C-alpha atoms as a PDB file:
ATOM      1  CA  UNK A   1     -22.865  -6.375  -7.286  1.00  0.00           C
ATOM      2  CA  UNK A   2     -21.651  -2.912  -6.292  1.00  0.00           C
ATOM      3  CA  UNK A   3     -21.145  -2.791  -2.532  1.00  0.00           C
ATOM      4  CA  UNK A   4     -22.774  -6.100  -1.687  1.00  0.00           C
ATOM      5  CA  UNK A   5     -21.307  -7.789   1.377  1.00  0.00           C
ATOM      6  CA  UNK A   6     -21.890 -11.373   2.532  1.00  0.00           C
ATOM      7  CA  UNK A   7     -20.899 -12.891   5.883  1.00  0.00           C
ATOM      8  CA  UNK A   8     -20.600 -16.672   6.329  1.00  0.00           C
ATOM      9  CA  UNK A   9     -20.295 -18.311   9.742  1.00  0.00           C
ATOM     10  CA  UNK A  10     -22.184 -19.662  12.701  1.00  0.00           C
ATOM     11  CA  UNK A  11     -25.064 -17.702  14.287  1.00  0.00           C
ATOM     12  CA  UNK A  12     -22.847 -16.001  16.879  1.00  0.00           C
ATOM     13  CA  UNK A  13     -20.439 -14.824  14.186  1.00  0.00           C
ATOM     14  CA  UNK A  14     -22.984 -13.408  11.717  1.00  0.00           C
ATOM     15  CA  UNK A  15     -25.313 -11.733  14.261  1.00  0.00           C
ATOM     16  CA  UNK A  16     -23.316  -8.471  14.632  1.00  0.00           C
ATOM     17  CA  UNK A  17     -23.001  -8.182  10.848  1.00  0.00           C
ATOM     18  CA  UNK A  18     -26.738  -8.678  10.458  1.00  0.00           C
ATOM     19  CA  UNK A  19     -27.278  -5.603  12.610  1.00  0.00           C
ATOM     20  CA  UNK A  20     -25.247  -3.651  10.049  1.00  0.00           C
ATOM     21  CA  UNK A  21     -27.626  -4.709   7.302  1.00  0.00           C
ATOM     22  CA  UNK A  22     -25.304  -6.942   5.300  1.00  0.00           C
ATOM     23  CA  UNK A  23     -26.381 -10.316   3.898  1.00  0.00           C
ATOM     24  CA  UNK A  24     -25.588 -13.037   6.410  1.00  0.00           C
ATOM     25  CA  UNK A  25     -25.405 -16.772   5.897  1.00  0.00           C
ATOM     26  CA  UNK A  26     -25.654 -18.549   9.226  1.00  0.00           C
ATOM     27  CA  UNK A  27     -24.506 -22.161   9.027  1.00  0.00           C
ATOM     28  CA  UNK A  28     -24.267 -25.092  11.382  1.00  0.00           C
ATOM     29  CA  UNK A  29     -21.309 -27.400  11.531  1.00  0.00           C
ATOM     30  CA  UNK A  30     -22.223 -29.732   8.674  1.00  0.00           C
ATOM     31  CA  UNK A  31     -19.913 -29.572   5.674  1.00  0.00           C
ATOM     32  CA  UNK A  32     -22.774 -29.863   3.192  1.00  0.00           C
ATOM     33  CA  UNK A  33     -24.599 -26.857   4.670  1.00  0.00           C
ATOM     34  CA  UNK A  34     -21.428 -24.744   4.725  1.00  0.00           C
ATOM     35  CA  UNK A  35     -20.538 -25.563   1.106  1.00  0.00           C
ATOM     36  CA  UNK A  36     -24.132 -24.998  -0.070  1.00  0.00           C
ATOM     37  CA  UNK A  37     -24.136 -21.501   1.441  1.00  0.00           C
ATOM     38  CA  UNK A  38     -20.657 -20.762   0.019  1.00  0.00           C
ATOM     39  CA  UNK A  39     -21.939 -21.646  -3.444  1.00  0.00           C
ATOM     40  CA  UNK A  40     -24.932 -19.346  -2.963  1.00  0.00           C
ATOM     41  CA  UNK A  41     -22.578 -16.528  -2.094  1.00  0.00           C
ATOM     42  CA  UNK A  42     -20.474 -17.208  -5.197  1.00  0.00           C
ATOM     43  CA  UNK A  43     -23.485 -17.119  -7.489  1.00  0.00           C
ATOM     44  CA  UNK A  44     -24.806 -13.886  -5.949  1.00  0.00           C
ATOM     45  CA  UNK A  45     -21.527 -12.117  -6.916  1.00  0.00           C
ATOM     46  CA  UNK A  46     -20.718 -10.176  -3.772  1.00  0.00           C
ATOM     47  CA  UNK A  47     -17.943  -7.562  -3.636  1.00  0.00           C
ATOM     48  CA  UNK A  48     -16.809  -8.614  -0.159  1.00  0.00           C
ATOM     49  CA  UNK A  49     -17.175 -11.966   1.599  1.00  0.00           C
ATOM     50  CA  UNK A  50     -16.337 -12.252   5.301  1.00  0.00           C
ATOM     51  CA  UNK A  51     -15.821 -15.835   6.525  1.00  0.00           C
ATOM     52  CA  UNK A  52     -15.426 -17.120  10.062  1.00  0.00           C
ATOM     53  CA  UNK A  53     -12.008 -18.764  10.475  1.00  0.00           C
ATOM     54  CA  UNK A  54     -13.456 -21.958  11.968  1.00  0.00           C
ATOM     55  CA  UNK A  55     -15.295 -22.772   8.719  1.00  0.00           C
ATOM     56  CA  UNK A  56     -12.793 -21.266   6.244  1.00  0.00           C
ATOM     57  CA  UNK A  57     -10.904 -24.552   5.629  1.00  0.00           C
ATOM     58  CA  UNK A  58     -14.207 -26.116   4.497  1.00  0.00           C
ATOM     59  CA  UNK A  59     -14.895 -23.395   1.920  1.00  0.00           C
ATOM     60  CA  UNK A  60     -11.315 -22.772   0.838  1.00  0.00           C
ATOM     61  CA  UNK A  61     -11.710 -24.923  -2.291  1.00  0.00           C
ATOM     62  CA  UNK A  62     -15.027 -23.292  -3.252  1.00  0.00           C
ATOM     63  CA  UNK A  63     -13.466 -19.809  -3.197  1.00  0.00           C
ATOM     64  CA  UNK A  64     -10.093 -20.895  -4.677  1.00  0.00           C
ATOM     65  CA  UNK A  65     -11.274 -20.207  -8.227  1.00  0.00           C
ATOM     66  CA  UNK A  66     -11.935 -16.596  -7.251  1.00  0.00           C
ATOM     67  CA  UNK A  67      -8.488 -15.948  -5.751  1.00  0.00           C
ATOM     68  CA  UNK A  68      -7.140 -14.057  -8.751  1.00  0.00           C
ATOM     69  CA  UNK A  69     -10.417 -12.282  -9.535  1.00  0.00           C
ATOM     70  CA  UNK A  70     -10.770  -8.616  -8.482  1.00  0.00           C
ATOM     71  CA  UNK A  71     -13.991  -9.441  -6.664  1.00  0.00           C
ATOM     72  CA  UNK A  72     -15.029 -10.749  -4.312  1.00  0.00           C
ATOM     73  CA  UNK A  73     -12.460  -9.800  -1.729  1.00  0.00           C
ATOM     74  CA  UNK A  74     -12.534 -12.743   0.682  1.00  0.00           C
ATOM     75  CA  UNK A  75     -11.667 -11.932   4.279  1.00  0.00           C
ATOM     76  CA  UNK A  76     -11.167 -14.683   6.836  1.00  0.00           C
ATOM     77  CA  UNK A  77     -11.729 -13.493  10.418  1.00  0.00           C
ATOM     78  CA  UNK A  78     -11.130 -15.289  13.713  1.00  0.00           C
ATOM     79  CA  UNK A  79     -14.003 -14.822  16.162  1.00  0.00           C
ATOM     80  CA  UNK A  80     -15.606 -17.150  18.690  1.00  0.00           C
ATOM     81  CA  UNK A  81     -13.004 -19.894  18.670  1.00  0.00           C
ATOM     82  CA  UNK A  82      -9.291 -19.876  19.256  1.00  0.00           C
ATOM     83  CA  UNK A  83      -7.442 -18.918  16.101  1.00  0.00           C
ATOM     84  CA  UNK A  84      -5.868 -21.853  14.294  1.00  0.00           C
ATOM     85  CA  UNK A  85      -3.648 -19.577  12.177  1.00  0.00           C
ATOM     86  CA  UNK A  86      -5.747 -20.043   9.036  1.00  0.00           C
ATOM     87  CA  UNK A  87      -6.625 -16.346   8.749  1.00  0.00           C
ATOM     88  CA  UNK A  88      -2.986 -15.318   9.118  1.00  0.00           C
ATOM     89  CA  UNK A  89      -1.838 -17.863   6.552  1.00  0.00           C
ATOM     90  CA  UNK A  90      -4.435 -16.697   4.001  1.00  0.00           C
ATOM     91  CA  UNK A  91      -3.565 -13.043   4.589  1.00  0.00           C
ATOM     92  CA  UNK A  92       0.115 -13.902   4.110  1.00  0.00           C
ATOM     93  CA  UNK A  93      -0.672 -15.557   0.774  1.00  0.00           C
ATOM     94  CA  UNK A  94      -2.640 -12.500  -0.399  1.00  0.00           C
ATOM     95  CA  UNK A  95       0.136 -10.142   0.659  1.00  0.00           C
ATOM     96  CA  UNK A  96       2.717 -12.306  -1.109  1.00  0.00           C
ATOM     97  CA  UNK A  97       0.650 -12.207  -4.288  1.00  0.00           C
ATOM     98  CA  UNK A  98       0.291  -8.435  -4.057  1.00  0.00           C
ATOM     99  CA  UNK A  99       3.835  -7.526  -3.013  1.00  0.00           C
ATOM    100  CA  UNK A 100       5.983 -10.496  -3.978  1.00  0.00           C
ATOM    101  CA  UNK A 101       6.972 -11.184  -0.366  1.00  0.00           C
ATOM    102  CA  UNK A 102       5.182 -12.535   2.670  1.00  0.00           C
ATOM    103  CA  UNK A 103       5.639  -9.625   5.104  1.00  0.00           C
ATOM    104  CA  UNK A 104       3.908 -11.626   7.847  1.00  0.00           C
ATOM    105  CA  UNK A 105       6.524 -14.381   7.746  1.00  0.00           C
ATOM    106  CA  UNK A 106       8.888 -14.110  10.680  1.00  0.00           C
ATOM    107  CA  UNK A 107      12.547 -13.801   9.799  1.00  0.00           C
ATOM    108  CA  UNK A 108      13.345 -15.544  13.092  1.00  0.00           C
ATOM    109  CA  UNK A 109      11.792 -18.882  12.040  1.00  0.00           C
END
């Protein structure tokens, strides 16, 4: 498991990561295919998992059990589509768990 990185997303998202030599899981837009690949990633025990924001809501439940585990670190990244705020929300939750406050939450809201 040491140092293994997986990237999950559509072909355009994973292509640059593939050039870096990390394990990529290119998926279409079907929920079954996305979840199947997420489960493969979980069983392979990666240290870091990078997920495209547009498919992150589909795999959120699959990775939920790993939230409090030290690995894998799950990073949601916006890329080819307009951000829906999912990546920011997830990062806020991680920061709140780590620090006790959500430093991304605006005090103006």
